[in-house]
Protein backbone atom coordinates (compact mmCIF):
# COMPACT_ATOMS: atom_id res chain seq x y z
CA MET A 1 66.58 -69.88 -236.45
CA ARG A 2 65.08 -66.74 -237.94
CA SER A 3 65.07 -63.71 -235.69
CA ALA A 4 64.52 -59.98 -235.88
CA ALA A 5 64.96 -57.02 -233.62
CA ALA A 6 61.88 -55.07 -232.57
CA PRO A 7 60.89 -52.15 -234.87
CA ALA A 8 62.23 -48.80 -233.80
CA CYS A 9 59.15 -46.75 -234.67
CA ALA A 10 57.49 -45.22 -231.61
CA ASP A 11 54.42 -43.52 -233.01
CA ARG A 12 52.64 -46.06 -235.21
CA ALA A 13 51.47 -49.60 -234.88
CA ASP A 14 53.04 -52.54 -236.69
CA ARG A 15 49.80 -54.24 -237.78
CA ARG A 16 50.95 -57.64 -238.99
CA ASP A 17 48.54 -60.52 -239.24
CA ILE A 18 50.21 -63.40 -237.39
CA PRO A 19 48.49 -66.81 -237.49
CA VAL A 20 49.90 -67.91 -234.13
CA ALA A 21 51.89 -65.84 -231.65
CA ILE A 22 53.83 -67.65 -228.92
CA ILE A 23 54.99 -65.65 -225.90
CA GLY A 24 58.18 -67.09 -224.43
CA ALA A 25 61.15 -68.87 -226.03
CA GLY A 26 61.69 -71.48 -223.36
CA PRO A 27 61.22 -75.25 -223.82
CA SER A 28 57.41 -75.14 -224.01
CA GLY A 29 57.23 -72.20 -226.41
CA LEU A 30 59.86 -73.63 -228.74
CA ALA A 31 58.22 -77.06 -228.71
CA VAL A 32 54.79 -75.65 -229.64
CA ALA A 33 56.36 -73.60 -232.46
CA ALA A 34 58.14 -76.69 -233.81
CA GLU A 35 54.99 -78.83 -233.64
CA LEU A 36 52.95 -76.15 -235.40
CA GLY A 37 55.59 -75.88 -238.10
CA ARG A 38 55.43 -79.63 -238.63
CA ARG A 39 51.72 -79.19 -239.29
CA GLY A 40 52.23 -76.31 -241.73
CA VAL A 41 51.08 -73.56 -239.36
CA ALA A 42 53.24 -70.43 -239.20
CA ALA A 43 54.11 -69.31 -235.68
CA THR A 44 56.06 -66.35 -234.37
CA VAL A 45 57.77 -66.60 -230.98
CA PHE A 46 58.12 -63.38 -228.96
CA GLU A 47 60.95 -63.41 -226.41
CA SER A 48 61.58 -60.51 -224.03
CA SER A 49 65.28 -61.24 -223.54
CA GLY A 50 68.05 -61.32 -226.10
CA HIS A 51 68.34 -65.12 -226.08
CA VAL A 52 66.25 -68.26 -226.19
CA ALA A 53 66.19 -70.25 -222.92
CA ALA A 54 66.54 -67.09 -220.83
CA SER A 55 65.26 -68.68 -217.62
CA TRP A 56 67.73 -71.54 -217.95
CA ARG A 57 70.62 -69.12 -218.36
CA GLY A 58 69.62 -67.46 -215.08
CA HIS A 59 69.76 -70.60 -212.93
CA TYR A 60 72.65 -71.34 -210.58
CA ASP A 61 75.83 -72.76 -212.07
CA HIS A 62 75.62 -76.28 -210.61
CA LEU A 63 72.04 -77.01 -211.74
CA ARG A 64 71.37 -80.28 -213.56
CA LEU A 65 68.13 -81.73 -214.87
CA HIS A 66 66.19 -83.80 -212.37
CA THR A 67 65.08 -86.14 -215.16
CA VAL A 68 67.29 -88.37 -217.28
CA ARG A 69 68.43 -87.23 -220.72
CA GLY A 70 66.48 -89.93 -222.58
CA LEU A 71 63.17 -88.79 -221.07
CA SER A 72 63.77 -85.04 -221.30
CA ALA A 73 64.01 -84.30 -225.03
CA LEU A 74 61.50 -82.07 -226.83
CA PRO A 75 59.59 -83.36 -229.89
CA GLY A 76 61.67 -83.71 -233.03
CA MET A 77 65.20 -83.62 -231.59
CA ARG A 78 67.10 -85.80 -229.13
CA ILE A 79 69.44 -84.44 -226.49
CA PRO A 80 73.02 -85.43 -227.46
CA ARG A 81 74.43 -88.44 -225.64
CA GLY A 82 77.58 -86.44 -224.97
CA PHE A 83 75.65 -84.30 -222.50
CA GLY A 84 75.55 -87.23 -220.10
CA ARG A 85 72.74 -88.85 -218.15
CA TRP A 86 71.94 -85.77 -216.05
CA VAL A 87 72.13 -82.74 -218.34
CA ALA A 88 73.89 -79.66 -216.94
CA ARG A 89 72.46 -76.15 -217.18
CA ASP A 90 74.83 -74.92 -219.90
CA ASP A 91 74.28 -78.04 -221.99
CA MET A 92 70.51 -77.57 -221.71
CA VAL A 93 70.88 -74.01 -222.97
CA ARG A 94 72.92 -75.29 -225.93
CA TYR A 95 70.29 -77.92 -226.67
CA LEU A 96 67.50 -75.31 -226.76
CA GLU A 97 69.58 -73.04 -229.00
CA ASP A 98 70.19 -75.94 -231.38
CA TYR A 99 66.51 -76.89 -231.21
CA ALA A 100 65.45 -73.43 -232.42
CA ARG A 101 67.99 -73.58 -235.26
CA HIS A 102 67.13 -77.15 -236.23
CA HIS A 103 63.45 -76.29 -236.67
CA ASP A 104 64.16 -72.86 -238.24
CA LEU A 105 61.84 -71.18 -235.77
CA ASP A 106 60.82 -67.55 -236.21
CA VAL A 107 61.90 -66.06 -232.86
CA ARG A 108 61.70 -62.32 -232.22
CA LEU A 109 64.32 -61.67 -229.57
CA SER A 110 64.29 -58.57 -227.33
CA THR A 111 60.58 -58.18 -228.03
CA PRO A 112 58.67 -58.25 -224.74
CA VAL A 113 54.90 -58.57 -224.93
CA ASP A 114 53.55 -56.32 -222.21
CA ARG A 115 49.91 -57.32 -222.52
CA ILE A 116 47.42 -58.93 -224.85
CA ARG A 117 43.86 -57.81 -225.43
CA PRO A 118 40.99 -59.58 -227.21
CA VAL A 119 39.73 -58.37 -230.57
CA GLU A 120 36.03 -59.20 -230.84
CA ARG A 121 33.88 -59.69 -233.89
CA ASP A 122 30.12 -60.10 -233.44
CA GLY A 123 30.64 -60.54 -229.71
CA VAL A 124 33.14 -63.37 -230.12
CA VAL A 125 36.90 -63.21 -229.52
CA ASP A 126 38.26 -63.37 -233.05
CA ALA A 127 41.92 -62.42 -232.50
CA TRP A 128 44.35 -60.92 -230.02
CA ARG A 129 46.25 -57.64 -230.07
CA LEU A 130 49.74 -57.91 -228.66
CA CYS A 131 51.33 -54.78 -227.22
CA THR A 132 55.08 -55.06 -227.69
CA GLY A 133 56.40 -51.82 -226.31
CA SER A 134 55.97 -49.09 -228.91
CA THR A 135 54.25 -51.34 -231.45
CA THR A 136 51.33 -53.73 -231.70
CA ALA A 137 50.71 -56.96 -233.58
CA THR A 138 47.52 -58.91 -234.19
CA ALA A 139 47.43 -62.70 -233.93
CA GLY A 140 44.62 -65.12 -234.62
CA THR A 141 45.81 -67.43 -231.83
CA VAL A 142 48.06 -66.76 -228.84
CA VAL A 143 50.02 -69.34 -226.85
CA VAL A 144 51.37 -68.06 -223.52
CA ALA A 145 54.52 -70.01 -222.65
CA THR A 146 56.15 -67.83 -219.99
CA GLY A 147 56.05 -70.70 -217.48
CA LEU A 148 55.73 -71.13 -213.75
CA ASN A 149 59.02 -69.43 -212.88
CA ARG A 150 58.48 -65.97 -214.31
CA THR A 151 58.56 -63.76 -211.20
CA PRO A 152 60.72 -64.57 -208.14
CA HIS A 153 58.77 -64.49 -204.87
CA LEU A 154 60.80 -63.07 -201.97
CA PRO A 155 58.84 -62.81 -198.72
CA THR A 156 59.21 -59.75 -196.52
CA TRP A 157 59.67 -60.88 -192.94
CA PRO A 158 59.09 -58.62 -189.91
CA GLY A 159 62.31 -56.94 -188.84
CA GLN A 160 64.15 -57.87 -192.02
CA ASP A 161 65.42 -54.32 -192.45
CA THR A 162 67.38 -54.67 -189.19
CA PHE A 163 69.40 -57.61 -190.51
CA ALA A 164 72.97 -56.65 -191.39
CA GLY A 165 73.67 -59.63 -193.62
CA SER A 166 72.51 -60.29 -197.17
CA VAL A 167 69.05 -61.62 -198.02
CA ILE A 168 68.66 -62.75 -201.63
CA HIS A 169 66.28 -64.87 -203.66
CA SER A 170 67.71 -68.05 -205.14
CA ALA A 171 67.19 -66.47 -208.58
CA ASP A 172 70.14 -64.19 -207.69
CA TYR A 173 72.31 -67.01 -206.33
CA ARG A 174 74.89 -68.35 -208.80
CA ALA A 175 77.58 -70.34 -206.97
CA PRO A 176 78.54 -71.38 -203.42
CA GLU A 177 82.13 -70.06 -203.41
CA PRO A 178 81.31 -66.53 -202.13
CA TYR A 179 79.86 -68.11 -198.96
CA GLU A 180 83.01 -69.96 -197.93
CA GLY A 181 83.56 -69.65 -194.18
CA ARG A 182 80.14 -68.05 -193.62
CA SER A 183 77.01 -69.25 -191.85
CA VAL A 184 74.06 -69.43 -194.24
CA LEU A 185 70.35 -69.98 -193.76
CA VAL A 186 68.65 -71.47 -196.82
CA VAL A 187 64.88 -70.97 -196.77
CA GLY A 188 62.61 -73.26 -198.79
CA ALA A 189 62.08 -77.01 -198.96
CA GLY A 190 62.11 -77.46 -202.73
CA ASN A 191 64.81 -78.71 -205.07
CA SER A 192 66.58 -75.36 -205.28
CA GLY A 193 66.79 -75.02 -201.51
CA ALA A 194 68.06 -78.58 -201.06
CA GLU A 195 70.66 -78.31 -203.82
CA ILE A 196 71.93 -74.91 -202.71
CA ALA A 197 72.27 -76.12 -199.11
CA VAL A 198 74.29 -79.16 -200.21
CA ALA A 199 76.50 -77.09 -202.53
CA LEU A 200 77.26 -74.64 -199.71
CA THR A 201 78.44 -77.44 -197.42
CA ARG A 202 80.65 -78.87 -200.15
CA ARG A 203 82.30 -75.52 -200.85
CA GLY A 204 83.26 -74.60 -197.33
CA ALA A 205 80.37 -72.76 -195.72
CA ALA A 206 80.93 -72.74 -191.96
CA ARG A 207 77.35 -73.73 -191.12
CA VAL A 208 74.21 -74.33 -193.15
CA TRP A 209 70.67 -74.28 -191.82
CA TRP A 210 67.72 -75.35 -193.99
CA ALA A 211 64.41 -73.74 -193.01
CA VAL A 212 61.54 -76.12 -193.81
CA ARG A 213 57.90 -75.15 -193.34
CA THR A 214 56.36 -78.28 -194.88
CA PRO A 215 58.47 -81.47 -195.00
CA PRO A 216 59.01 -82.38 -198.66
CA ASN A 217 58.57 -85.65 -200.47
CA ILE A 218 62.15 -86.81 -201.17
CA VAL A 219 62.96 -89.28 -203.93
CA PRO A 220 66.26 -90.84 -205.02
CA ALA A 221 67.95 -89.19 -207.98
CA SER A 222 70.37 -91.98 -208.83
CA SER A 223 68.09 -93.66 -211.35
CA ASP A 224 65.18 -92.98 -213.65
CA ARG A 225 62.90 -95.43 -211.85
CA LEU A 226 60.76 -92.74 -210.21
CA GLN A 227 60.22 -90.93 -213.49
CA ARG A 228 59.12 -94.14 -215.19
CA LEU A 229 56.90 -94.87 -212.21
CA GLY A 230 55.40 -91.39 -212.62
CA ILE A 231 54.63 -92.16 -216.25
CA ALA A 232 53.06 -95.49 -215.34
CA VAL A 233 50.80 -94.18 -212.56
CA GLY A 234 49.98 -90.81 -214.12
CA ALA A 235 46.44 -91.85 -215.06
CA LEU A 236 45.64 -93.44 -211.69
CA PRO A 237 43.53 -91.78 -208.97
CA THR A 238 45.55 -89.56 -206.66
CA SER A 239 45.14 -91.85 -203.64
CA VAL A 240 46.48 -94.87 -205.54
CA ALA A 241 49.36 -92.89 -207.06
CA ASP A 242 50.25 -91.61 -203.59
CA LEU A 243 50.28 -95.12 -202.19
CA LEU A 244 52.64 -96.41 -204.86
CA THR A 245 55.05 -93.46 -204.80
CA THR A 246 55.13 -93.36 -200.98
CA ALA A 247 56.10 -97.05 -200.95
CA PHE A 248 58.83 -96.21 -203.47
CA GLU A 249 60.14 -93.31 -201.34
CA ARG A 250 60.30 -95.37 -198.16
CA SER A 251 61.95 -98.32 -199.88
CA PHE A 252 64.94 -96.32 -201.04
CA LEU A 253 65.42 -93.50 -198.49
CA PRO A 254 65.82 -93.46 -194.70
CA ASN A 255 63.56 -91.74 -192.18
CA LEU A 256 65.21 -88.42 -191.23
CA THR A 257 62.84 -87.53 -188.38
CA ALA A 258 65.57 -88.00 -185.77
CA HIS A 259 67.68 -85.47 -187.67
CA GLY A 260 64.99 -82.78 -187.68
CA LEU A 261 63.30 -83.57 -190.99
CA PRO A 262 60.05 -85.56 -190.57
CA ARG A 263 58.53 -87.56 -193.39
CA ALA A 264 56.17 -85.73 -195.73
CA ARG A 265 52.65 -85.52 -194.30
CA GLU A 266 50.98 -85.84 -197.72
CA GLY A 267 51.56 -87.99 -200.76
CA LEU A 268 53.66 -86.92 -203.73
CA TYR A 269 50.74 -86.84 -206.16
CA THR A 270 48.44 -84.96 -203.80
CA ARG A 271 50.94 -82.13 -203.60
CA ALA A 272 51.88 -82.27 -207.28
CA ARG A 273 48.29 -82.12 -208.56
CA ARG A 274 46.93 -79.69 -206.00
CA ASP A 275 49.86 -77.36 -205.39
CA GLU A 276 52.17 -77.90 -208.42
CA VAL A 277 54.90 -78.95 -205.96
CA SER A 278 57.67 -81.23 -207.21
CA PRO A 279 59.39 -83.78 -204.97
CA VAL A 280 62.93 -83.07 -203.84
CA HIS A 281 65.41 -85.19 -205.79
CA ASP A 282 68.15 -86.39 -203.51
CA ARG A 283 71.38 -84.89 -204.82
CA GLY A 284 73.19 -85.37 -201.53
CA VAL A 285 70.73 -83.71 -199.15
CA VAL A 286 69.83 -86.95 -197.32
CA ALA A 287 73.48 -87.70 -196.52
CA ALA A 288 74.13 -84.07 -195.58
CA VAL A 289 71.20 -84.06 -193.13
CA ARG A 290 72.23 -87.40 -191.60
CA ARG A 291 75.79 -86.10 -191.07
CA GLU A 292 74.41 -82.81 -189.71
CA ARG A 293 76.22 -80.80 -192.33
CA VAL A 294 72.81 -79.41 -193.32
CA ARG A 295 70.62 -78.76 -190.29
CA PRO A 296 66.85 -78.62 -190.87
CA VAL A 297 65.11 -75.96 -188.78
CA ALA A 298 61.62 -74.51 -188.49
CA ALA A 299 60.26 -71.85 -190.84
CA VAL A 300 61.37 -68.23 -190.49
CA ALA A 301 59.06 -66.10 -188.33
CA GLU A 302 60.97 -62.81 -188.14
CA PHE A 303 64.33 -61.09 -187.99
CA ASP A 304 65.62 -59.49 -184.80
CA GLN A 305 68.76 -57.46 -185.41
CA GLY A 306 71.44 -60.02 -186.27
CA GLN A 307 69.28 -63.01 -185.38
CA VAL A 308 66.59 -64.94 -187.21
CA VAL A 309 63.67 -66.04 -185.06
CA LEU A 310 62.15 -69.34 -186.18
CA ALA A 311 58.53 -70.47 -185.90
CA ASP A 312 59.33 -72.69 -182.90
CA GLY A 313 60.99 -69.79 -181.04
CA THR A 314 64.55 -70.89 -181.76
CA ARG A 315 67.03 -68.14 -182.64
CA ILE A 316 69.93 -68.55 -185.03
CA ARG A 317 72.56 -66.08 -186.22
CA PRO A 318 73.36 -66.54 -189.93
CA ASP A 319 75.64 -64.25 -191.90
CA ASP A 320 73.51 -64.57 -195.03
CA VAL A 321 70.07 -65.79 -196.07
CA VAL A 322 69.27 -67.41 -199.43
CA ALA A 323 65.50 -67.63 -199.97
CA ALA A 324 64.54 -70.47 -202.31
CA THR A 325 60.92 -69.45 -201.85
CA GLY A 326 59.61 -70.07 -205.33
CA TYR A 327 58.13 -68.03 -208.13
CA ARG A 328 54.84 -66.63 -209.30
CA CYS A 329 53.40 -66.92 -212.82
CA GLY A 330 53.10 -63.13 -213.07
CA LEU A 331 50.32 -63.27 -215.68
CA GLU A 332 47.90 -60.67 -214.30
CA ARG A 333 49.17 -57.72 -216.33
CA LEU A 334 49.78 -59.82 -219.45
CA VAL A 335 46.35 -61.44 -219.82
CA GLY A 336 44.11 -59.92 -217.15
CA PRO A 337 42.24 -61.79 -214.39
CA ASP A 338 39.37 -63.37 -216.36
CA VAL A 339 41.37 -66.41 -217.53
CA LEU A 340 43.26 -66.94 -214.27
CA THR A 341 42.50 -68.64 -210.97
CA SER A 342 42.51 -66.76 -207.68
CA ARG A 343 46.15 -67.84 -207.29
CA GLY A 344 47.12 -66.34 -210.66
CA ALA A 345 47.46 -69.64 -212.55
CA PRO A 346 45.73 -70.31 -215.90
CA LEU A 347 42.18 -71.64 -215.69
CA ALA A 348 42.91 -73.98 -218.61
CA ARG A 349 46.17 -75.37 -219.96
CA GLY A 350 47.51 -77.06 -223.04
CA ALA A 351 44.95 -78.00 -225.66
CA ARG A 352 42.06 -76.87 -223.45
CA THR A 353 41.03 -73.20 -223.37
CA ALA A 354 39.02 -71.10 -220.93
CA PRO A 355 35.36 -70.32 -221.72
CA GLY A 356 35.03 -67.53 -224.26
CA THR A 357 38.68 -67.66 -225.36
CA PRO A 358 38.99 -70.58 -227.81
CA ASN A 359 42.14 -69.14 -229.34
CA LEU A 360 44.18 -68.51 -226.15
CA HIS A 361 46.35 -71.34 -224.82
CA PHE A 362 48.73 -71.67 -221.87
CA VAL A 363 51.60 -74.17 -221.91
CA GLY A 364 54.43 -74.93 -219.50
CA PHE A 365 52.42 -74.28 -216.35
CA THR A 366 52.34 -77.85 -215.02
CA ASN A 367 54.86 -79.55 -212.72
CA HIS A 368 54.15 -83.12 -213.71
CA PRO A 369 55.66 -85.99 -211.68
CA SER A 370 56.69 -87.77 -214.88
CA GLY A 371 59.03 -84.88 -215.70
CA HIS A 372 58.45 -81.27 -216.68
CA LEU A 373 60.23 -81.48 -220.04
CA ARG A 374 58.64 -84.77 -221.03
CA PHE A 375 55.22 -83.38 -220.20
CA ALA A 376 56.05 -80.14 -222.05
CA GLY A 377 56.61 -82.16 -225.21
CA LEU A 378 53.32 -84.04 -224.85
CA GLU A 379 51.49 -80.80 -224.10
CA ALA A 380 53.08 -79.07 -227.10
CA ARG A 381 51.91 -81.81 -229.46
CA ALA A 382 48.37 -81.75 -228.09
CA THR A 383 48.20 -77.95 -228.23
CA ALA A 384 49.55 -77.74 -231.77
CA LYS A 385 47.12 -80.41 -232.88
CA ALA A 386 44.17 -78.51 -231.36
CA ILE A 387 45.24 -75.22 -232.97
CA SER A 388 45.79 -76.83 -236.38
CA ARG A 389 42.37 -78.49 -236.26
CA ARG A 390 40.67 -75.26 -235.29
CA LEU A 391 42.35 -73.35 -238.12
CA ARG A 392 41.28 -75.97 -240.65
CA ARG A 393 37.75 -76.02 -239.29
CA CYS A 394 37.52 -72.23 -239.56
CA GLY A 395 38.81 -72.32 -243.13
CA ASP A 396 42.11 -70.61 -242.35
CA ARG A 397 45.15 -71.55 -244.40
CA PRO A 398 48.77 -71.61 -243.31
CA VAL A 399 50.41 -68.35 -244.39
CA GLU A 400 53.91 -67.04 -244.69
CA HIS A 401 55.08 -64.46 -242.17
CA ALA A 402 53.95 -60.99 -243.17
CA PRO A 403 56.66 -58.40 -243.84
CA ASP A 404 57.81 -56.06 -241.12
CA CYS A 405 56.97 -52.38 -241.11
CA ALA A 406 59.28 -50.12 -243.10
CA CYS A 407 61.40 -49.07 -240.14
CA ALA A 408 62.23 -52.61 -239.04
CA PRO A 409 65.54 -54.15 -240.05
CA GLU A 410 65.41 -56.94 -242.61
CA ARG A 411 65.03 -60.38 -241.04
CA VAL A 412 68.21 -62.40 -241.47
CA SER A 413 69.41 -65.82 -240.39
CA GLU A 414 71.83 -65.66 -237.51
CA GLU A 415 73.51 -67.81 -234.92
CA VAL A 416 71.93 -67.81 -231.50
CA ALA A 417 74.11 -66.07 -228.99
């Protein structure tokens, strides 16, 4: 992997001409860069942190992929068999580091892009100006690959300031051991909430409640059958896909209504396509609920001194609260509102672009039932193909990376930390 520190100059712009700039060195950004390179198109990846795979490094210690190794690799490089069937967080980080090295990607670490602005020629967006702190760069095409999990969303509940215990987002949770002997309320019915609740019970938490607003779709995680089913039914109408996946869910998992967790009210594909909500993969949560080691409760309404008041009026007294309440894309400052929906998501994704911005792409913003990483690879190929075709059609030629400004250190090959 080629990398360079950001230029130190503070009073003049670094006006390089970059064919394609990719913002974010996670799986989607790296995959697009590799696919562009395979097509002879130079791409520069801008990463705000000091490492590739920064979001993966920040996940809790016991995280594993929810999709099997064989269906989770990015284009051009398999995940090593030694990583096992369900790849652990640290092994996924190593894979992404090796992926960047294998494809000799040009990644600019510690170079956050604060915002991008269109450069127009004859009333048409011709390029993009990237503001990277004290410098700027100009790119003919920009691919935003910062992903769905950029900004943690921590609700503010009434009375929360009166609560003496800790209230943290799951982004700040690392391991269950600090909660041994304590009563913990986990808020959020997604995979993170389910897995954190189970881990807490296994590591000695005195009591674990799981606050669920909307009952999730739960699928077995012991095989890859659901993922292959997701691939098979991906092109079907939502109603048909829901019917098939609901039959699958009910064939392999028990009804937990008697234990406080009703069946999902909507189908898996309805929620995935409309709300970008993934099903919960059963990593022990079904057994924990049945044994009452994890106790589902209603959503949080407010805090009242040392108590948490739930939506059904019930009061509980946890020592700590872990809020697995999701993330926001956080794109408003980066790209402005014109290319975003009212919920802050991109209007167009992958190979498609929003009206008036044919050279601005967004990748990694889809939770696909067939697997996020598998879909990221397909999306990367389609996006790279669209960019390459557009460059050829416009008469552009692949170019080498332009030199840095005089105050920048020389680019050298280095190992990824």
